[in-house]
Amino acid sequence: MSKVKNIAVLTSGGDAPGMNAAIRAIVRTGNYFQLNVYGVMYGYRGLINGEIMKMDSRSVANIIQRGGTILKTARCKEFFGYEGRQRAYEQLKKYQIDGLIVIGGDGTFKGALTFSKEFDIPCIGLPGTIDKDIDGTDFTIGFDTAVNTAVRAIDKIRDTAEAHDRLFIVEVMGRDAGYIALHSGIATGAEHVLLPERPTKIQDIINELQANERRKKLVNIIVVAEGDESGGANEVARAIKEQLPHFDTRVCILGHIQRGGSPTCMDRVIASRLGYAAVQALMEGKHHNCMIGIVNNQLHYTPLEKAVKARQGIDPEWFQMIRILAS
């Protein structure tokens, strides 16, 4: 075991359901092994400003079922500059913190990687993002909850679509990655799923909608990731209405409802496993400056450099399946 005695945890970037479960696991695992565990409020901004508090088992009681993050989160432009990172390091020295766990996405990891290299602070990243856009893990903390929230909403939308023979275009989150759209679209039987990872051919969609109309299939659901090249649900609706003005077309943008809510069992378990493993990694000194994920139900360690740069690809077979099942 290493000489790490004081560790800190922060959440950064967009919030994700399950972050609290990870915080809980980190604090209680650290306490069990007689480490001092500190929570940093408001991500890197709190690190710079010294918003740091010691945490114990009672600090994380009754939070595993809560969405959001008790440590809060914020964007911090100051941390992009060396002076900001220097101030953050001085705050860590004040509390004699010798290990840092960051929960967030690729932007969070970029900051941790630079910080670790400049000041020789071992950092562990945990993938906390609803977008599931980090390589080196099968799932990220928050994705399962977010996609299930989208599925429940789209199921309700389909009910009213059936009642009125409507075309609904539903926009879900996913600025750079379309996994929420992909999974929720398949799970709800959507006729089309539009993703940033794949070129959007509006004319092909219009042709298929016309074919569906000829065979009396009047209810259609199109799920669009917000980062799709078409410009989102409103732009897709505008393009369709130009050629199919007689269609009863509606747009629904789910927005931030996907970020909140009580985390699913899967997200709670993933977050707990990762939080426990992060403390172990700092203590053992074997996997510093890495992201811990889960691949094939086993813990997987990815250097932060690769977690920052890589993106998961989407197998074309998924799109073939969507086409067949929606026919």
C-alpha atoms as a PDB file:
ATOM      1  CA  MET A   1       0.000   0.000   0.000  1.00  0.00           C
ATOM      2  CA  SER A   2       1.140   3.568  -0.726  1.00  0.00           C
ATOM      3  CA  LYS A   3       1.506   6.370   1.794  1.00  0.00           C
ATOM      4  CA  VAL A   4      -1.642   8.137   0.605  1.00  0.00           C
ATOM      5  CA  LYS A   5      -3.419   9.336   3.725  1.00  0.00           C
ATOM      6  CA  ASN A   6      -5.601  12.252   2.641  1.00  0.00           C
ATOM      7  CA  ILE A   7      -7.771  12.089  -0.452  1.00  0.00           C
ATOM      8  CA  ALA A   8     -10.316  14.419  -2.009  1.00  0.00           C
ATOM      9  CA  VAL A   9     -13.276  13.909  -4.338  1.00  0.00           C
ATOM     10  CA  LEU A  10     -15.027  16.371  -6.634  1.00  0.00           C
ATOM     11  CA  THR A  11     -17.735  16.291  -9.283  1.00  0.00           C
ATOM     12  CA  SER A  12     -17.311  18.386 -12.391  1.00  0.00           C
ATOM     13  CA  GLY A  13     -19.134  19.179 -15.623  1.00  0.00           C
ATOM     14  CA  GLY A  14     -22.722  18.078 -16.127  1.00  0.00           C
ATOM     15  CA  ASP A  15     -24.409  16.289 -13.245  1.00  0.00           C
ATOM     16  CA  ALA A  16     -25.379  12.651 -13.651  1.00  0.00           C
ATOM     17  CA  PRO A  17     -27.620  10.377 -11.539  1.00  0.00           C
ATOM     18  CA  GLY A  18     -25.382   8.080  -9.495  1.00  0.00           C
ATOM     19  CA  MET A  19     -22.725  10.647  -8.663  1.00  0.00           C
ATOM     20  CA  ASN A  20     -23.918  10.636  -5.045  1.00  0.00           C
ATOM     21  CA  ALA A  21     -23.595   6.857  -4.900  1.00  0.00           C
ATOM     22  CA  ALA A  22     -19.975   7.187  -6.058  1.00  0.00           C
ATOM     23  CA  ILE A  23     -19.254   9.906  -3.476  1.00  0.00           C
ATOM     24  CA  ARG A  24     -20.748   7.712  -0.778  1.00  0.00           C
ATOM     25  CA  ALA A  25     -18.594   4.744  -1.797  1.00  0.00           C
ATOM     26  CA  ILE A  26     -15.419   6.856  -1.847  1.00  0.00           C
ATOM     27  CA  VAL A  27     -16.036   8.359   1.586  1.00  0.00           C
ATOM     28  CA  ARG A  28     -16.974   5.118   3.287  1.00  0.00           C
ATOM     29  CA  THR A  29     -14.195   3.098   1.667  1.00  0.00           C
ATOM     30  CA  GLY A  30     -11.663   5.753   2.587  1.00  0.00           C
ATOM     31  CA  ASN A  31     -12.917   5.905   6.159  1.00  0.00           C
ATOM     32  CA  TYR A  32     -12.789   2.116   6.442  1.00  0.00           C
ATOM     33  CA  PHE A  33      -9.102   2.159   5.517  1.00  0.00           C
ATOM     34  CA  GLN A  34      -8.484   5.057   7.937  1.00  0.00           C
ATOM     35  CA  LEU A  35      -7.924   7.693   5.286  1.00  0.00           C
ATOM     36  CA  ASN A  36      -9.010  11.280   5.673  1.00  0.00           C
ATOM     37  CA  VAL A  37     -11.535  12.027   2.935  1.00  0.00           C
ATOM     38  CA  TYR A  38     -12.381  15.548   1.798  1.00  0.00           C
ATOM     39  CA  GLY A  39     -15.190  16.721  -0.435  1.00  0.00           C
ATOM     40  CA  VAL A  40     -14.579  19.622  -2.815  1.00  0.00           C
ATOM     41  CA  MET A  41     -17.603  21.784  -3.527  1.00  0.00           C
ATOM     42  CA  TYR A  42     -18.341  23.084  -7.053  1.00  0.00           C
ATOM     43  CA  GLY A  43     -15.697  21.050  -8.873  1.00  0.00           C
ATOM     44  CA  TYR A  44     -12.458  22.719  -9.941  1.00  0.00           C
ATOM     45  CA  ARG A  45     -13.831  26.130  -8.976  1.00  0.00           C
ATOM     46  CA  GLY A  46     -14.142  24.977  -5.381  1.00  0.00           C
ATOM     47  CA  LEU A  47     -10.664  23.493  -5.546  1.00  0.00           C
ATOM     48  CA  ILE A  48      -9.253  26.903  -6.511  1.00  0.00           C
ATOM     49  CA  ASN A  49     -11.301  28.741  -3.880  1.00  0.00           C
ATOM     50  CA  GLY A  50     -10.636  26.277  -1.085  1.00  0.00           C
ATOM     51  CA  GLU A  51     -14.239  25.126  -0.688  1.00  0.00           C
ATOM     52  CA  ILE A  52     -13.097  21.866   0.879  1.00  0.00           C
ATOM     53  CA  MET A  53     -14.678  19.985   3.772  1.00  0.00           C
ATOM     54  CA  LYS A  54     -13.805  16.839   5.635  1.00  0.00           C
ATOM     55  CA  MET A  55     -16.341  14.048   5.180  1.00  0.00           C
ATOM     56  CA  ASP A  56     -17.241  11.034   7.265  1.00  0.00           C
ATOM     57  CA  SER A  57     -19.762   8.245   7.081  1.00  0.00           C
ATOM     58  CA  ARG A  58     -22.587  10.454   8.318  1.00  0.00           C
ATOM     59  CA  SER A  59     -21.815  13.028   5.618  1.00  0.00           C
ATOM     60  CA  VAL A  60     -23.000  10.578   2.979  1.00  0.00           C
ATOM     61  CA  ALA A  61     -25.945   8.992   4.781  1.00  0.00           C
ATOM     62  CA  ASN A  62     -29.207   8.770   2.822  1.00  0.00           C
ATOM     63  CA  ILE A  63     -27.780  10.028  -0.485  1.00  0.00           C
ATOM     64  CA  ILE A  64     -27.420   6.861  -2.563  1.00  0.00           C
ATOM     65  CA  GLN A  65     -30.963   7.258  -3.937  1.00  0.00           C
ATOM     66  CA  ARG A  66     -30.636  10.954  -4.764  1.00  0.00           C
ATOM     67  CA  GLY A  67     -29.939  12.407  -8.196  1.00  0.00           C
ATOM     68  CA  GLY A  68     -27.595  15.324  -8.803  1.00  0.00           C
ATOM     69  CA  THR A  69     -24.502  15.693  -6.623  1.00  0.00           C
ATOM     70  CA  ILE A  70     -24.259  16.814  -3.003  1.00  0.00           C
ATOM     71  CA  LEU A  71     -20.847  18.316  -3.839  1.00  0.00           C
ATOM     72  CA  LYS A  72     -22.435  20.529  -6.513  1.00  0.00           C
ATOM     73  CA  THR A  73     -20.769  21.124  -9.865  1.00  0.00           C
ATOM     74  CA  ALA A  74     -19.708  24.124 -11.907  1.00  0.00           C
ATOM     75  CA  ARG A  75     -17.749  25.101 -14.996  1.00  0.00           C
ATOM     76  CA  CYS A  76     -14.406  26.752 -14.236  1.00  0.00           C
ATOM     77  CA  LYS A  77     -12.490  28.704 -16.869  1.00  0.00           C
ATOM     78  CA  GLU A  78      -9.814  29.637 -14.320  1.00  0.00           C
ATOM     79  CA  PHE A  79      -8.679  26.017 -14.122  1.00  0.00           C
ATOM     80  CA  PHE A  80      -7.783  26.167 -17.819  1.00  0.00           C
ATOM     81  CA  GLY A  81      -4.907  28.502 -16.921  1.00  0.00           C
ATOM     82  CA  TYR A  82      -1.759  27.609 -15.029  1.00  0.00           C
ATOM     83  CA  GLU A  83      -2.347  30.244 -12.349  1.00  0.00           C
ATOM     84  CA  GLY A  84      -5.710  28.712 -11.514  1.00  0.00           C
ATOM     85  CA  ARG A  85      -4.231  25.254 -11.249  1.00  0.00           C
ATOM     86  CA  GLN A  86      -1.415  26.619  -9.068  1.00  0.00           C
ATOM     87  CA  ARG A  87      -3.989  28.036  -6.658  1.00  0.00           C
ATOM     88  CA  ALA A  88      -5.796  24.683  -6.631  1.00  0.00           C
ATOM     89  CA  TYR A  89      -2.549  22.902  -5.786  1.00  0.00           C
ATOM     90  CA  GLU A  90      -1.890  25.301  -2.914  1.00  0.00           C
ATOM     91  CA  GLN A  91      -5.320  24.481  -1.499  1.00  0.00           C
ATOM     92  CA  LEU A  92      -4.550  20.767  -1.661  1.00  0.00           C
ATOM     93  CA  LYS A  93      -1.245  21.339   0.133  1.00  0.00           C
ATOM     94  CA  LYS A  94      -3.073  23.275   2.865  1.00  0.00           C
ATOM     95  CA  TYR A  95      -5.086  20.132   3.636  1.00  0.00           C
ATOM     96  CA  GLN A  96      -2.144  17.792   2.903  1.00  0.00           C
ATOM     97  CA  ILE A  97      -4.241  16.051   0.256  1.00  0.00           C
ATOM     98  CA  ASP A  98      -2.130  13.553  -1.684  1.00  0.00           C
ATOM     99  CA  GLY A  99      -4.709  11.924  -3.956  1.00  0.00           C
ATOM    100  CA  LEU A 100      -7.639  13.267  -5.999  1.00  0.00           C
ATOM    101  CA  ILE A 101     -10.698  11.490  -7.424  1.00  0.00           C
ATOM    102  CA  VAL A 102     -12.662  13.364 -10.080  1.00  0.00           C
ATOM    103  CA  ILE A 103     -16.098  12.299 -11.280  1.00  0.00           C
ATOM    104  CA  GLY A 104     -17.169  13.669 -14.656  1.00  0.00           C
ATOM    105  CA  GLY A 105     -16.621  13.457 -18.401  1.00  0.00           C
ATOM    106  CA  ASP A 106     -13.795  14.078 -20.834  1.00  0.00           C
ATOM    107  CA  GLY A 107     -13.447  17.768 -19.959  1.00  0.00           C
ATOM    108  CA  THR A 108     -13.039  16.817 -16.311  1.00  0.00           C
ATOM    109  CA  PHE A 109     -10.396  14.259 -17.233  1.00  0.00           C
ATOM    110  CA  LYS A 110      -8.459  16.738 -19.370  1.00  0.00           C
ATOM    111  CA  GLY A 111      -8.224  19.061 -16.388  1.00  0.00           C
ATOM    112  CA  ALA A 112      -7.155  16.248 -14.057  1.00  0.00           C
ATOM    113  CA  LEU A 113      -4.509  15.006 -16.489  1.00  0.00           C
ATOM    114  CA  THR A 114      -2.891  18.428 -16.885  1.00  0.00           C
ATOM    115  CA  PHE A 115      -3.090  19.102 -13.158  1.00  0.00           C
ATOM    116  CA  SER A 116      -1.519  15.758 -12.278  1.00  0.00           C
ATOM    117  CA  LYS A 117       1.372  16.209 -14.691  1.00  0.00           C
ATOM    118  CA  GLU A 118       2.168  19.720 -13.481  1.00  0.00           C
ATOM    119  CA  PHE A 119       2.001  19.084  -9.741  1.00  0.00           C
ATOM    120  CA  ASP A 120       2.577  15.353  -9.375  1.00  0.00           C
ATOM    121  CA  ILE A 121      -0.773  14.707  -7.720  1.00  0.00           C
ATOM    122  CA  PRO A 122      -2.139  11.202  -8.449  1.00  0.00           C
ATOM    123  CA  CYS A 123      -5.602  11.488  -9.991  1.00  0.00           C
ATOM    124  CA  ILE A 124      -8.280   8.891 -10.595  1.00  0.00           C
ATOM    125  CA  GLY A 125     -11.160   9.608 -12.972  1.00  0.00           C
ATOM    126  CA  LEU A 126     -14.595   8.058 -12.730  1.00  0.00           C
ATOM    127  CA  PRO A 127     -16.848   8.354 -15.809  1.00  0.00           C
ATOM    128  CA  GLY A 128     -19.873  10.335 -14.680  1.00  0.00           C
ATOM    129  CA  THR A 129     -21.793  11.478 -17.749  1.00  0.00           C
ATOM    130  CA  ILE A 130     -25.235  10.635 -19.084  1.00  0.00           C
ATOM    131  CA  ASP A 131     -23.918  10.683 -22.663  1.00  0.00           C
ATOM    132  CA  LYS A 132     -21.810   7.486 -22.357  1.00  0.00           C
ATOM    133  CA  ASP A 133     -19.215   9.101 -24.594  1.00  0.00           C
ATOM    134  CA  ILE A 134     -16.034   7.922 -22.850  1.00  0.00           C
ATOM    135  CA  ASP A 135     -14.015   5.008 -24.168  1.00  0.00           C
ATOM    136  CA  GLY A 136     -12.728   2.382 -21.746  1.00  0.00           C
ATOM    137  CA  THR A 137     -16.037   1.525 -20.102  1.00  0.00           C
ATOM    138  CA  ASP A 138     -19.229  -0.192 -21.203  1.00  0.00           C
ATOM    139  CA  PHE A 139     -21.398   2.222 -19.232  1.00  0.00           C
ATOM    140  CA  THR A 140     -20.941   5.556 -17.523  1.00  0.00           C
ATOM    141  CA  ILE A 141     -22.483   6.696 -14.254  1.00  0.00           C
ATOM    142  CA  GLY A 142     -25.855   8.239 -15.099  1.00  0.00           C
ATOM    143  CA  PHE A 143     -26.421   6.800 -18.563  1.00  0.00           C
ATOM    144  CA  ASP A 144     -28.825   4.049 -17.531  1.00  0.00           C
ATOM    145  CA  THR A 145     -30.992   6.447 -15.526  1.00  0.00           C
ATOM    146  CA  ALA A 146     -31.049   9.049 -18.296  1.00  0.00           C
ATOM    147  CA  VAL A 147     -31.964   6.576 -21.008  1.00  0.00           C
ATOM    148  CA  ASN A 148     -34.717   5.059 -18.875  1.00  0.00           C
ATOM    149  CA  THR A 149     -36.104   8.545 -18.247  1.00  0.00           C
ATOM    150  CA  ALA A 150     -36.178   9.093 -22.014  1.00  0.00           C
ATOM    151  CA  VAL A 151     -37.833   5.719 -22.595  1.00  0.00           C
ATOM    152  CA  ARG A 152     -40.629   6.449 -20.125  1.00  0.00           C
ATOM    153  CA  ALA A 153     -41.256   9.829 -21.739  1.00  0.00           C
ATOM    154  CA  ILE A 154     -41.281   8.441 -25.292  1.00  0.00           C
ATOM    155  CA  ASP A 155     -43.653   5.645 -24.262  1.00  0.00           C
ATOM    156  CA  LYS A 156     -46.098   8.312 -23.066  1.00  0.00           C
ATOM    157  CA  ILE A 157     -45.628  10.284 -26.277  1.00  0.00           C
ATOM    158  CA  ARG A 158     -46.422   7.202 -28.340  1.00  0.00           C
ATOM    159  CA  ASP A 159     -49.741   6.843 -26.518  1.00  0.00           C
ATOM    160  CA  THR A 160     -50.892  10.262 -27.689  1.00  0.00           C
ATOM    161  CA  ALA A 161     -49.357   9.710 -31.130  1.00  0.00           C
ATOM    162  CA  GLU A 162     -51.492   6.569 -31.464  1.00  0.00           C
ATOM    163  CA  ALA A 163     -54.595   8.432 -30.360  1.00  0.00           C
ATOM    164  CA  HIS A 164     -54.189  11.134 -33.028  1.00  0.00           C
ATOM    165  CA  ASP A 165     -52.241   9.377 -35.826  1.00  0.00           C
ATOM    166  CA  ARG A 166     -49.370  11.817 -35.372  1.00  0.00           C
ATOM    167  CA  LEU A 167     -45.722  12.026 -36.282  1.00  0.00           C
ATOM    168  CA  PHE A 168     -43.699  12.902 -33.193  1.00  0.00           C
ATOM    169  CA  ILE A 169     -40.110  14.092 -33.344  1.00  0.00           C
ATOM    170  CA  VAL A 170     -38.510  13.677 -29.932  1.00  0.00           C
ATOM    171  CA  GLU A 171     -35.196  15.312 -29.103  1.00  0.00           C
ATOM    172  CA  VAL A 172     -33.026  13.738 -26.428  1.00  0.00           C
ATOM    173  CA  MET A 173     -29.684  14.814 -25.017  1.00  0.00           C
ATOM    174  CA  GLY A 174     -26.455  13.946 -26.807  1.00  0.00           C
ATOM    175  CA  ARG A 175     -24.411  16.847 -28.118  1.00  0.00           C
ATOM    176  CA  ASP A 176     -21.489  14.758 -29.396  1.00  0.00           C
ATOM    177  CA  ALA A 177     -22.692  11.219 -28.808  1.00  0.00           C
ATOM    178  CA  GLY A 178     -25.973   9.578 -29.723  1.00  0.00           C
ATOM    179  CA  TYR A 179     -26.178   6.726 -27.240  1.00  0.00           C
ATOM    180  CA  ILE A 180     -29.247   8.028 -25.409  1.00  0.00           C
ATOM    181  CA  ALA A 181     -31.037   8.416 -28.741  1.00  0.00           C
ATOM    182  CA  LEU A 182     -29.845   5.013 -29.959  1.00  0.00           C
ATOM    183  CA  HIS A 183     -30.868   3.044 -26.877  1.00  0.00           C
ATOM    184  CA  SER A 184     -34.123   4.897 -26.200  1.00  0.00           C
ATOM    185  CA  GLY A 185     -35.075   4.703 -29.880  1.00  0.00           C
ATOM    186  CA  ILE A 186     -34.612   0.953 -29.992  1.00  0.00           C
ATOM    187  CA  ALA A 187     -36.371   0.437 -26.655  1.00  0.00           C
ATOM    188  CA  THR A 188     -39.438   2.430 -27.736  1.00  0.00           C
ATOM    189  CA  GLY A 189     -39.715   1.074 -31.267  1.00  0.00           C
ATOM    190  CA  ALA A 190     -38.893   4.386 -32.946  1.00  0.00           C
ATOM    191  CA  GLU A 191     -39.165   4.393 -36.723  1.00  0.00           C
ATOM    192  CA  HIS A 192     -36.027   6.538 -37.097  1.00  0.00           C
ATOM    193  CA  VAL A 193     -33.086   7.428 -34.865  1.00  0.00           C
ATOM    194  CA  LEU A 194     -30.831  10.358 -35.805  1.00  0.00           C
ATOM    195  CA  LEU A 195     -27.358  10.544 -34.265  1.00  0.00           C
ATOM    196  CA  PRO A 196     -24.257  12.754 -34.495  1.00  0.00           C
ATOM    197  CA  GLU A 197     -22.209   9.678 -35.452  1.00  0.00           C
ATOM    198  CA  ARG A 198     -24.125   9.072 -38.669  1.00  0.00           C
ATOM    199  CA  PRO A 199     -25.012  11.390 -41.589  1.00  0.00           C
ATOM    200  CA  THR A 200     -28.674  12.394 -41.612  1.00  0.00           C
ATOM    201  CA  LYS A 201     -30.507  11.963 -44.898  1.00  0.00           C
ATOM    202  CA  ILE A 202     -33.778  13.808 -44.477  1.00  0.00           C
ATOM    203  CA  GLN A 203     -34.993  12.856 -47.942  1.00  0.00           C
ATOM    204  CA  ASP A 204     -34.677   9.149 -47.116  1.00  0.00           C
ATOM    205  CA  ILE A 205     -36.775   9.719 -43.991  1.00  0.00           C
ATOM    206  CA  ILE A 206     -39.417  11.588 -45.998  1.00  0.00           C
ATOM    207  CA  ASN A 207     -39.521   8.790 -48.571  1.00  0.00           C
ATOM    208  CA  GLU A 208     -40.051   6.209 -45.839  1.00  0.00           C
ATOM    209  CA  LEU A 209     -42.764   8.298 -44.171  1.00  0.00           C
ATOM    210  CA  GLN A 210     -44.586   8.459 -47.511  1.00  0.00           C
ATOM    211  CA  ALA A 211     -44.219   4.702 -47.909  1.00  0.00           C
ATOM    212  CA  ASN A 212     -45.607   4.202 -44.398  1.00  0.00           C
ATOM    213  CA  GLU A 213     -48.557   6.436 -45.237  1.00  0.00           C
ATOM    214  CA  ARG A 214     -49.368   4.376 -48.327  1.00  0.00           C
ATOM    215  CA  ARG A 215     -49.576   1.236 -46.212  1.00  0.00           C
ATOM    216  CA  LYS A 216     -51.683   3.013 -43.570  1.00  0.00           C
ATOM    217  CA  LYS A 217     -48.924   3.242 -40.984  1.00  0.00           C
ATOM    218  CA  LEU A 218     -49.788   6.720 -39.701  1.00  0.00           C
ATOM    219  CA  VAL A 219     -48.041   6.759 -36.326  1.00  0.00           C
ATOM    220  CA  ASN A 220     -44.306   7.445 -36.455  1.00  0.00           C
ATOM    221  CA  ILE A 221     -41.734   8.337 -33.818  1.00  0.00           C
ATOM    222  CA  ILE A 222     -38.407   9.915 -34.757  1.00  0.00           C
ATOM    223  CA  VAL A 223     -35.825  10.165 -31.980  1.00  0.00           C
ATOM    224  CA  VAL A 224     -33.176  12.837 -32.567  1.00  0.00           C
ATOM    225  CA  ALA A 225     -30.001  13.432 -30.568  1.00  0.00           C
ATOM    226  CA  GLU A 226     -29.551  17.154 -29.925  1.00  0.00           C
ATOM    227  CA  GLY A 227     -26.155  17.089 -31.663  1.00  0.00           C
ATOM    228  CA  ASP A 228     -27.414  15.519 -34.872  1.00  0.00           C
ATOM    229  CA  GLU A 229     -26.133  17.334 -37.950  1.00  0.00           C
ATOM    230  CA  SER A 230     -29.661  18.238 -39.028  1.00  0.00           C
ATOM    231  CA  GLY A 231     -29.806  20.772 -36.196  1.00  0.00           C
ATOM    232  CA  GLY A 232     -32.133  19.018 -33.783  1.00  0.00           C
ATOM    233  CA  ALA A 233     -35.820  18.154 -33.636  1.00  0.00           C
ATOM    234  CA  ASN A 234     -37.152  21.532 -34.740  1.00  0.00           C
ATOM    235  CA  GLU A 235     -35.047  21.550 -37.890  1.00  0.00           C
ATOM    236  CA  VAL A 236     -36.046  17.983 -38.713  1.00  0.00           C
ATOM    237  CA  ALA A 237     -39.710  18.939 -38.276  1.00  0.00           C
ATOM    238  CA  ARG A 238     -39.293  22.000 -40.477  1.00  0.00           C
ATOM    239  CA  ALA A 239     -37.722  19.941 -43.295  1.00  0.00           C
ATOM    240  CA  ILE A 240     -40.467  17.308 -43.110  1.00  0.00           C
ATOM    241  CA  LYS A 241     -43.303  19.852 -43.031  1.00  0.00           C
ATOM    242  CA  GLU A 242     -41.987  21.482 -46.197  1.00  0.00           C
ATOM    243  CA  GLN A 243     -42.621  18.295 -48.175  1.00  0.00           C
ATOM    244  CA  LEU A 244     -45.336  16.682 -46.067  1.00  0.00           C
ATOM    245  CA  PRO A 245     -47.484  19.592 -44.850  1.00  0.00           C
ATOM    246  CA  HIS A 246     -50.512  17.333 -44.393  1.00  0.00           C
ATOM    247  CA  PHE A 247     -48.750  15.275 -41.710  1.00  0.00           C
ATOM    248  CA  ASP A 248     -49.859  16.038 -38.145  1.00  0.00           C
ATOM    249  CA  THR A 249     -46.337  16.685 -36.850  1.00  0.00           C
ATOM    250  CA  ARG A 250     -45.348  17.507 -33.295  1.00  0.00           C
ATOM    251  CA  VAL A 251     -41.997  18.189 -31.620  1.00  0.00           C
ATOM    252  CA  CYS A 252     -41.082  17.313 -28.051  1.00  0.00           C
ATOM    253  CA  ILE A 253     -37.705  18.288 -26.565  1.00  0.00           C
ATOM    254  CA  LEU A 254     -37.072  16.323 -23.367  1.00  0.00           C
ATOM    255  CA  GLY A 255     -34.188  18.521 -22.220  1.00  0.00           C
ATOM    256  CA  HIS A 256     -32.839  18.485 -18.683  1.00  0.00           C
ATOM    257  CA  ILE A 257     -35.472  16.112 -17.369  1.00  0.00           C
ATOM    258  CA  GLN A 258     -33.002  13.417 -18.459  1.00  0.00           C
ATOM    259  CA  ARG A 259     -30.347  14.605 -16.009  1.00  0.00           C
ATOM    260  CA  GLY A 260     -32.391  14.388 -12.832  1.00  0.00           C
ATOM    261  CA  GLY A 261     -34.168  11.732 -10.859  1.00  0.00           C
ATOM    262  CA  SER A 262     -33.324   8.858  -8.586  1.00  0.00           C
ATOM    263  CA  PRO A 263     -30.582   6.682 -10.131  1.00  0.00           C
ATOM    264  CA  THR A 264     -31.472   3.202 -11.285  1.00  0.00           C
ATOM    265  CA  CYS A 265     -30.151   0.096  -9.557  1.00  0.00           C
ATOM    266  CA  MET A 266     -27.594  -0.287 -12.340  1.00  0.00           C
ATOM    267  CA  ASP A 267     -26.231   3.230 -11.892  1.00  0.00           C
ATOM    268  CA  ARG A 268     -26.056   2.834  -8.118  1.00  0.00           C
ATOM    269  CA  VAL A 269     -24.133  -0.433  -8.408  1.00  0.00           C
ATOM    270  CA  ILE A 270     -21.741   0.862 -11.092  1.00  0.00           C
ATOM    271  CA  ALA A 271     -21.071   4.040  -9.111  1.00  0.00           C
ATOM    272  CA  SER A 272     -20.480   2.086  -5.894  1.00  0.00           C
ATOM    273  CA  ARG A 273     -18.047  -0.317  -7.585  1.00  0.00           C
ATOM    274  CA  LEU A 274     -16.119   2.511  -9.196  1.00  0.00           C
ATOM    275  CA  GLY A 275     -15.949   4.606  -6.030  1.00  0.00           C
ATOM    276  CA  TYR A 276     -14.654   1.647  -4.028  1.00  0.00           C
ATOM    277  CA  ALA A 277     -12.090   0.817  -6.731  1.00  0.00           C
ATOM    278  CA  ALA A 278     -10.882   4.437  -6.948  1.00  0.00           C
ATOM    279  CA  VAL A 279      -9.841   4.474  -3.293  1.00  0.00           C
ATOM    280  CA  GLN A 280      -8.136   1.102  -3.688  1.00  0.00           C
ATOM    281  CA  ALA A 281      -6.228   2.410  -6.721  1.00  0.00           C
ATOM    282  CA  LEU A 282      -4.910   5.424  -4.806  1.00  0.00           C
ATOM    283  CA  MET A 283      -3.883   3.273  -1.864  1.00  0.00           C
ATOM    284  CA  GLU A 284      -2.125   0.657  -3.975  1.00  0.00           C
ATOM    285  CA  GLY A 285      -0.415   3.217  -6.204  1.00  0.00           C
ATOM    286  CA  LYS A 286      -0.839   0.967  -9.256  1.00  0.00           C
ATOM    287  CA  HIS A 287      -3.258   2.850 -11.452  1.00  0.00           C
ATOM    288  CA  HIS A 288      -2.594   6.523 -10.909  1.00  0.00           C
ATOM    289  CA  ASN A 289      -3.712   8.989 -13.581  1.00  0.00           C
ATOM    290  CA  CYS A 290      -6.233   6.607 -15.034  1.00  0.00           C
ATOM    291  CA  MET A 291      -9.960   6.339 -15.510  1.00  0.00           C
ATOM    292  CA  ILE A 292     -11.659   3.354 -13.943  1.00  0.00           C
ATOM    293  CA  GLY A 293     -14.487   1.836 -15.946  1.00  0.00           C
ATOM    294  CA  ILE A 294     -16.257  -1.481 -16.258  1.00  0.00           C
ATOM    295  CA  VAL A 295     -15.745  -3.673 -19.324  1.00  0.00           C
ATOM    296  CA  ASN A 296     -17.418  -7.091 -19.562  1.00  0.00           C
ATOM    297  CA  ASN A 297     -18.419  -6.671 -15.900  1.00  0.00           C
ATOM    298  CA  GLN A 298     -14.773  -6.345 -14.831  1.00  0.00           C
ATOM    299  CA  LEU A 299     -12.943  -3.261 -13.606  1.00  0.00           C
ATOM    300  CA  HIS A 300     -10.954  -1.703 -16.436  1.00  0.00           C
ATOM    301  CA  TYR A 301      -8.193   0.879 -16.115  1.00  0.00           C
ATOM    302  CA  THR A 302      -7.613   3.359 -18.959  1.00  0.00           C
ATOM    303  CA  PRO A 303      -4.876   6.040 -18.903  1.00  0.00           C
ATOM    304  CA  LEU A 304      -6.444   9.490 -18.758  1.00  0.00           C
ATOM    305  CA  GLU A 305      -4.750  10.378 -22.061  1.00  0.00           C
ATOM    306  CA  LYS A 306      -6.763   7.704 -23.835  1.00  0.00           C
ATOM    307  CA  ALA A 307      -9.972   8.361 -21.932  1.00  0.00           C
ATOM    308  CA  VAL A 308      -9.733  11.995 -23.000  1.00  0.00           C
ATOM    309  CA  LYS A 309      -9.123  11.424 -26.697  1.00  0.00           C
ATOM    310  CA  ALA A 310     -11.084   8.302 -27.551  1.00  0.00           C
ATOM    311  CA  ARG A 311     -14.720   7.950 -28.522  1.00  0.00           C
ATOM    312  CA  GLN A 312     -16.739   4.798 -28.731  1.00  0.00           C
ATOM    313  CA  GLY A 313     -17.885   3.977 -32.239  1.00  0.00           C
ATOM    314  CA  ILE A 314     -21.393   2.790 -33.080  1.00  0.00           C
ATOM    315  CA  ASP A 315     -21.606  -0.474 -34.961  1.00  0.00           C
ATOM    316  CA  PRO A 316     -23.550  -0.085 -38.251  1.00  0.00           C
ATOM    317  CA  GLU A 317     -25.434  -3.261 -37.327  1.00  0.00           C
ATOM    318  CA  TRP A 318     -27.457  -1.184 -34.851  1.00  0.00           C
ATOM    319  CA  PHE A 319     -28.920   0.888 -37.687  1.00  0.00           C
ATOM    320  CA  GLN A 320     -29.746  -2.201 -39.713  1.00  0.00           C
ATOM    321  CA  MET A 321     -31.626  -3.589 -36.711  1.00  0.00           C
ATOM    322  CA  ILE A 322     -33.572  -0.340 -36.212  1.00  0.00           C
ATOM    323  CA  ARG A 323     -34.641  -0.377 -39.852  1.00  0.00           C
ATOM    324  CA  ILE A 324     -35.806  -4.001 -39.728  1.00  0.00           C
ATOM    325  CA  LEU A 325     -37.634  -3.782 -36.396  1.00  0.00           C
ATOM    326  CA  ALA A 326     -39.450  -0.560 -37.381  1.00  0.00           C
ATOM    327  CA  SER A 327     -40.713  -1.942 -40.676  1.00  0.00           C
END
